Amino acid sequence: MPQLNTSTWFITILTMLPTLYLIMQLKLLNTNYYLSPTQKIPDTQMFNNPWQLKWTKIYLPHLQPRHS
């Protein structure tokens, strides 16, 4: 059974690492990052939703038990 020749593996791995790094850098250069929400211009258009017209009361749980 022939033995596997591993003499070129070292140089192959060493050249693969910078190549993968460069490919990833080029891919990242082409990506579009969205603006954070604080940098966005707020929309001036308002939508009439039924829940905007209603007043809803939010009930919070009791912080302490009632004493009688």
C-alpha atoms as a PDB file:
ATOM      1  CA  MET A   1       0.000   0.000   0.000  1.00  0.00           C
ATOM      2  CA  PRO A   2       1.512   3.362  -1.013  1.00  0.00           C
ATOM      3  CA  GLN A   3       2.245   5.923   1.619  1.00  0.00           C
ATOM      4  CA  LEU A   4       0.485   9.299   1.484  1.00  0.00           C
ATOM      5  CA  ASN A   5       2.840  12.074   0.455  1.00  0.00           C
ATOM      6  CA  THR A   6       2.361  14.968   2.889  1.00  0.00           C
ATOM      7  CA  SER A   7       5.374  17.025   1.896  1.00  0.00           C
ATOM      8  CA  THR A   8       3.322  19.710   0.127  1.00  0.00           C
ATOM      9  CA  TRP A   9       0.636  20.047   2.787  1.00  0.00           C
ATOM     10  CA  PHE A  10       2.527  22.619   4.812  1.00  0.00           C
ATOM     11  CA  ILE A  11       2.974  25.079   1.941  1.00  0.00           C
ATOM     12  CA  THR A  12      -0.589  24.446   0.781  1.00  0.00           C
ATOM     13  CA  ILE A  13      -2.015  25.328   4.163  1.00  0.00           C
ATOM     14  CA  LEU A  14       0.254  28.339   4.503  1.00  0.00           C
ATOM     15  CA  THR A  15      -0.851  29.767   1.183  1.00  0.00           C
ATOM     16  CA  MET A  16      -4.494  28.921   1.797  1.00  0.00           C
ATOM     17  CA  LEU A  17      -4.744  31.003   4.973  1.00  0.00           C
ATOM     18  CA  PRO A  18      -3.809  34.399   3.465  1.00  0.00           C
ATOM     19  CA  THR A  19      -5.899  33.611   0.415  1.00  0.00           C
ATOM     20  CA  LEU A  20      -8.971  32.936   2.529  1.00  0.00           C
ATOM     21  CA  TYR A  21      -8.292  36.055   4.531  1.00  0.00           C
ATOM     22  CA  LEU A  22      -8.120  38.184   1.382  1.00  0.00           C
ATOM     23  CA  ILE A  23     -11.278  36.641  -0.027  1.00  0.00           C
ATOM     24  CA  MET A  24     -13.150  37.373   3.172  1.00  0.00           C
ATOM     25  CA  GLN A  25     -11.891  40.946   3.223  1.00  0.00           C
ATOM     26  CA  LEU A  26     -13.064  41.483  -0.328  1.00  0.00           C
ATOM     27  CA  LYS A  27     -16.462  40.048   0.517  1.00  0.00           C
ATOM     28  CA  LEU A  28     -16.780  42.297   3.537  1.00  0.00           C
ATOM     29  CA  LEU A  29     -15.925  45.344   1.464  1.00  0.00           C
ATOM     30  CA  ASN A  30     -18.951  44.715  -0.713  1.00  0.00           C
ATOM     31  CA  THR A  31     -21.464  44.295   2.084  1.00  0.00           C
ATOM     32  CA  ASN A  32     -23.922  47.065   2.858  1.00  0.00           C
ATOM     33  CA  TYR A  33     -24.341  47.813   6.515  1.00  0.00           C
ATOM     34  CA  TYR A  34     -27.620  49.345   7.548  1.00  0.00           C
ATOM     35  CA  LEU A  35     -27.719  52.527   9.547  1.00  0.00           C
ATOM     36  CA  SER A  36     -28.404  52.282  13.221  1.00  0.00           C
ATOM     37  CA  PRO A  37     -31.915  53.364  14.264  1.00  0.00           C
ATOM     38  CA  THR A  38     -30.626  56.590  15.801  1.00  0.00           C
ATOM     39  CA  GLN A  39     -29.206  57.714  12.484  1.00  0.00           C
ATOM     40  CA  LYS A  40     -32.358  57.102  10.482  1.00  0.00           C
ATOM     41  CA  ILE A  41     -34.554  59.947   9.442  1.00  0.00           C
ATOM     42  CA  PRO A  42     -37.953  59.390  11.040  1.00  0.00           C
ATOM     43  CA  ASP A  43     -40.883  58.952   8.717  1.00  0.00           C
ATOM     44  CA  THR A  44     -43.299  61.838   8.716  1.00  0.00           C
ATOM     45  CA  GLN A  45     -46.136  59.718   7.415  1.00  0.00           C
ATOM     46  CA  MET A  46     -48.518  58.572  10.127  1.00  0.00           C
ATOM     47  CA  PHE A  47     -50.755  55.596   9.729  1.00  0.00           C
ATOM     48  CA  ASN A  48     -54.197  55.479  11.243  1.00  0.00           C
ATOM     49  CA  ASN A  49     -54.287  52.306  13.216  1.00  0.00           C
ATOM     50  CA  PRO A  50     -57.246  51.388  15.400  1.00  0.00           C
ATOM     51  CA  TRP A  51     -55.042  50.911  18.442  1.00  0.00           C
ATOM     52  CA  GLN A  52     -53.636  54.441  18.167  1.00  0.00           C
ATOM     53  CA  LEU A  53     -57.068  55.906  18.831  1.00  0.00           C
ATOM     54  CA  LYS A  54     -57.758  53.806  21.893  1.00  0.00           C
ATOM     55  CA  TRP A  55     -56.468  54.448  25.345  1.00  0.00           C
ATOM     56  CA  THR A  56     -55.352  51.280  27.010  1.00  0.00           C
ATOM     57  CA  LYS A  57     -54.608  50.887  30.658  1.00  0.00           C
ATOM     58  CA  ILE A  58     -51.633  48.777  31.618  1.00  0.00           C
ATOM     59  CA  TYR A  59     -52.108  46.885  34.845  1.00  0.00           C
ATOM     60  CA  LEU A  60     -48.952  46.258  36.779  1.00  0.00           C
ATOM     61  CA  PRO A  61     -48.719  43.376  39.206  1.00  0.00           C
ATOM     62  CA  HIS A  62     -48.914  44.255  42.874  1.00  0.00           C
ATOM     63  CA  LEU A  63     -45.513  44.884  44.299  1.00  0.00           C
ATOM     64  CA  GLN A  64     -46.437  43.849  47.819  1.00  0.00           C
ATOM     65  CA  PRO A  65     -49.166  41.572  49.053  1.00  0.00           C
ATOM     66  CA  ARG A  66     -52.259  43.265  50.454  1.00  0.00           C
ATOM     67  CA  HIS A  67     -52.577  43.404  54.221  1.00  0.00           C
ATOM     68  CA  SER A  68     -56.088  43.099  55.618  1.00  0.00           C
END
